C-alpha atoms as a PDB file:
ATOM      1  CA  UNK A   1     194.250  58.400  58.226  1.00  0.00           C
ATOM      2  CA  UNK A   2     195.384  58.223  61.839  1.00  0.00           C
ATOM      3  CA  UNK A   3     193.062  58.132  64.829  1.00  0.00           C
ATOM      4  CA  UNK A   4     194.591  61.337  66.179  1.00  0.00           C
ATOM      5  CA  UNK A   5     193.445  63.204  63.069  1.00  0.00           C
ATOM      6  CA  UNK A   6     189.930  62.050  63.825  1.00  0.00           C
ATOM      7  CA  UNK A   7     190.248  63.326  67.388  1.00  0.00           C
ATOM      8  CA  UNK A   8     189.427  59.938  68.903  1.00  0.00           C
ATOM      9  CA  UNK A   9     191.029  58.969  72.196  1.00  0.00           C
ATOM     10  CA  UNK A  10     190.900  55.175  72.034  1.00  0.00           C
ATOM     11  CA  UNK A  11     191.566  52.280  74.392  1.00  0.00           C
ATOM     12  CA  UNK A  12     190.911  48.559  74.240  1.00  0.00           C
ATOM     13  CA  UNK A  13     189.891  45.999  76.871  1.00  0.00           C
ATOM     14  CA  UNK A  14     190.613  42.275  76.562  1.00  0.00           C
ATOM     15  CA  UNK A  15     187.890  41.073  78.926  1.00  0.00           C
ATOM     16  CA  UNK A  16     188.369  37.454  80.099  1.00  0.00           C
ATOM     17  CA  UNK A  17     185.190  35.562  81.007  1.00  0.00           C
ATOM     18  CA  UNK A  18     184.689  32.030  82.319  1.00  0.00           C
ATOM     19  CA  UNK A  19     182.562  30.719  79.454  1.00  0.00           C
ATOM     20  CA  UNK A  20     183.406  29.405  75.989  1.00  0.00           C
ATOM     21  CA  UNK A  21     181.341  26.297  75.415  1.00  0.00           C
ATOM     22  CA  UNK A  22     177.976  28.026  75.053  1.00  0.00           C
ATOM     23  CA  UNK A  23     178.466  30.354  72.091  1.00  0.00           C
ATOM     24  CA  UNK A  24     175.048  31.970  72.527  1.00  0.00           C
ATOM     25  CA  UNK A  25     175.976  33.115  76.066  1.00  0.00           C
ATOM     26  CA  UNK A  26     179.367  34.445  74.994  1.00  0.00           C
ATOM     27  CA  UNK A  27     177.748  36.433  72.167  1.00  0.00           C
ATOM     28  CA  UNK A  28     175.048  37.747  74.530  1.00  0.00           C
ATOM     29  CA  UNK A  29     177.739  38.906  76.960  1.00  0.00           C
ATOM     30  CA  UNK A  30     179.748  40.569  74.170  1.00  0.00           C
ATOM     31  CA  UNK A  31     176.658  42.298  72.796  1.00  0.00           C
ATOM     32  CA  UNK A  32     176.109  43.986  76.176  1.00  0.00           C
ATOM     33  CA  UNK A  33     179.159  46.162  75.429  1.00  0.00           C
ATOM     34  CA  UNK A  34     177.426  47.713  72.440  1.00  0.00           C
ATOM     35  CA  UNK A  35     174.292  49.155  74.041  1.00  0.00           C
ATOM     36  CA  UNK A  36     173.568  51.804  76.655  1.00  0.00           C
ATOM     37  CA  UNK A  37     171.139  51.099  79.511  1.00  0.00           C
ATOM     38  CA  UNK A  38     168.284  52.640  77.516  1.00  0.00           C
ATOM     39  CA  UNK A  39     168.939  50.235  74.617  1.00  0.00           C
ATOM     40  CA  UNK A  40     170.538  52.860  72.377  1.00  0.00           C
ATOM     41  CA  UNK A  41     173.592  51.590  70.503  1.00  0.00           C
ATOM     42  CA  UNK A  42     176.921  53.195  71.406  1.00  0.00           C
ATOM     43  CA  UNK A  43     178.424  54.918  68.387  1.00  0.00           C
ATOM     44  CA  UNK A  44     181.966  54.856  69.780  1.00  0.00           C
ATOM     45  CA  UNK A  45     182.192  51.218  70.970  1.00  0.00           C
ATOM     46  CA  UNK A  46     182.864  48.038  69.020  1.00  0.00           C
ATOM     47  CA  UNK A  47     183.661  44.410  69.754  1.00  0.00           C
ATOM     48  CA  UNK A  48     186.701  43.635  67.635  1.00  0.00           C
ATOM     49  CA  UNK A  49     187.066  39.945  68.409  1.00  0.00           C
ATOM     50  CA  UNK A  50     185.850  37.042  70.509  1.00  0.00           C
ATOM     51  CA  UNK A  51     188.356  34.265  71.136  1.00  0.00           C
ATOM     52  CA  UNK A  52     186.993  31.155  72.869  1.00  0.00           C
ATOM     53  CA  UNK A  53     188.953  28.171  74.157  1.00  0.00           C
ATOM     54  CA  UNK A  54     186.635  25.213  74.786  1.00  0.00           C
ATOM     55  CA  UNK A  55     189.116  23.211  76.898  1.00  0.00           C
ATOM     56  CA  UNK A  56     189.739  26.136  79.218  1.00  0.00           C
ATOM     57  CA  UNK A  57     186.057  27.157  78.982  1.00  0.00           C
ATOM     58  CA  UNK A  58     187.203  30.737  78.788  1.00  0.00           C
ATOM     59  CA  UNK A  59     186.683  33.540  76.265  1.00  0.00           C
ATOM     60  CA  UNK A  60     188.423  36.825  75.637  1.00  0.00           C
ATOM     61  CA  UNK A  61     186.183  39.609  74.347  1.00  0.00           C
ATOM     62  CA  UNK A  62     188.124  42.491  72.765  1.00  0.00           C
ATOM     63  CA  UNK A  63     186.239  45.762  73.234  1.00  0.00           C
ATOM     64  CA  UNK A  64     187.531  48.972  71.632  1.00  0.00           C
ATOM     65  CA  UNK A  65     186.060  52.357  72.449  1.00  0.00           C
ATOM     66  CA  UNK A  66     186.736  55.966  73.151  1.00  0.00           C
ATOM     67  CA  UNK A  67     188.149  56.415  76.632  1.00  0.00           C
ATOM     68  CA  UNK A  68     184.923  58.173  77.634  1.00  0.00           C
ATOM     69  CA  UNK A  69     182.726  55.177  76.678  1.00  0.00           C
ATOM     70  CA  UNK A  70     184.994  52.221  77.485  1.00  0.00           C
ATOM     71  CA  UNK A  71     184.227  52.093  81.213  1.00  0.00           C
ATOM     72  CA  UNK A  72     180.468  51.929  80.693  1.00  0.00           C
ATOM     73  CA  UNK A  73     180.795  49.313  77.951  1.00  0.00           C
ATOM     74  CA  UNK A  74     183.074  47.087  80.030  1.00  0.00           C
ATOM     75  CA  UNK A  75     180.874  47.440  83.107  1.00  0.00           C
ATOM     76  CA  UNK A  76     177.757  46.450  81.133  1.00  0.00           C
ATOM     77  CA  UNK A  77     179.604  43.431  79.762  1.00  0.00           C
ATOM     78  CA  UNK A  78     180.720  42.372  83.248  1.00  0.00           C
ATOM     79  CA  UNK A  79     177.195  42.718  84.640  1.00  0.00           C
ATOM     80  CA  UNK A  80     175.851  40.525  81.834  1.00  0.00           C
ATOM     81  CA  UNK A  81     178.561  37.929  82.487  1.00  0.00           C
ATOM     82  CA  UNK A  82     177.728  37.853  86.200  1.00  0.00           C
ATOM     83  CA  UNK A  83     174.045  37.344  85.374  1.00  0.00           C
ATOM     84  CA  UNK A  84     174.382  34.510  82.838  1.00  0.00           C
ATOM     85  CA  UNK A  85     177.438  32.490  83.938  1.00  0.00           C
ATOM     86  CA  UNK A  86     176.687  30.004  86.716  1.00  0.00           C
ATOM     87  CA  UNK A  87     180.001  29.400  88.464  1.00  0.00           C
ATOM     88  CA  UNK A  88     178.570  26.445  90.401  1.00  0.00           C
ATOM     89  CA  UNK A  89     178.405  24.422  87.170  1.00  0.00           C
ATOM     90  CA  UNK A  90     181.332  26.016  85.315  1.00  0.00           C
ATOM     91  CA  UNK A  91     184.043  23.509  84.368  1.00  0.00           C
ATOM     92  CA  UNK A  92     187.325  23.969  82.554  1.00  0.00           C
ATOM     93  CA  UNK A  93     191.016  23.196  82.910  1.00  0.00           C
ATOM     94  CA  UNK A  94     191.934  26.850  83.517  1.00  0.00           C
ATOM     95  CA  UNK A  95     191.558  28.057  87.111  1.00  0.00           C
ATOM     96  CA  UNK A  96     189.122  30.940  87.381  1.00  0.00           C
ATOM     97  CA  UNK A  97     188.270  33.542  89.981  1.00  0.00           C
ATOM     98  CA  UNK A  98     184.706  34.133  88.858  1.00  0.00           C
ATOM     99  CA  UNK A  99     182.490  34.868  85.878  1.00  0.00           C
ATOM    100  CA  UNK A 100     184.922  37.648  84.943  1.00  0.00           C
ATOM    101  CA  UNK A 101     188.570  36.833  85.586  1.00  0.00           C
ATOM    102  CA  UNK A 102     190.613  39.621  84.089  1.00  0.00           C
ATOM    103  CA  UNK A 103     189.959  43.155  82.806  1.00  0.00           C
ATOM    104  CA  UNK A 104     193.159  44.459  81.184  1.00  0.00           C
ATOM    105  CA  UNK A 105     192.861  47.836  79.488  1.00  0.00           C
ATOM    106  CA  UNK A 106     195.406  49.174  77.001  1.00  0.00           C
ATOM    107  CA  UNK A 107     195.681  52.710  75.603  1.00  0.00           C
ATOM    108  CA  UNK A 108     195.645  52.950  71.801  1.00  0.00           C
ATOM    109  CA  UNK A 109     195.535  56.559  70.627  1.00  0.00           C
ATOM    110  CA  UNK A 110     195.865  59.867  72.423  1.00  0.00           C
ATOM    111  CA  UNK A 111     195.408  58.133  75.828  1.00  0.00           C
ATOM    112  CA  UNK A 112     197.998  57.820  78.558  1.00  0.00           C
ATOM    113  CA  UNK A 113     198.421  54.792  80.808  1.00  0.00           C
ATOM    114  CA  UNK A 114     197.445  56.842  83.853  1.00  0.00           C
ATOM    115  CA  UNK A 115     193.952  57.384  82.416  1.00  0.00           C
END
């Protein structure tokens, strides 16, 4: 069954954060994508994958959601990253701009690039 038959307009974000060595922090940051401000779980958001590179001290959190929910989920994840990653003590061989380095978003189904 295709996503278009379900009527879902999907996109994915490969959020790059400057933490990989403390698994509990990376998981806490990723979990922020799954819940609304009131603590209710999003029904149209999921974390597909977390890839962590210890040498670079960098993780990529793959968040998939409907286009309507993706922005809120990514923003919540970024806020959590800013709160828990201390850039004054962050070390790694990959140069970084901050707690969140990169926020690429890719359309998956029934979503245009312009959106």
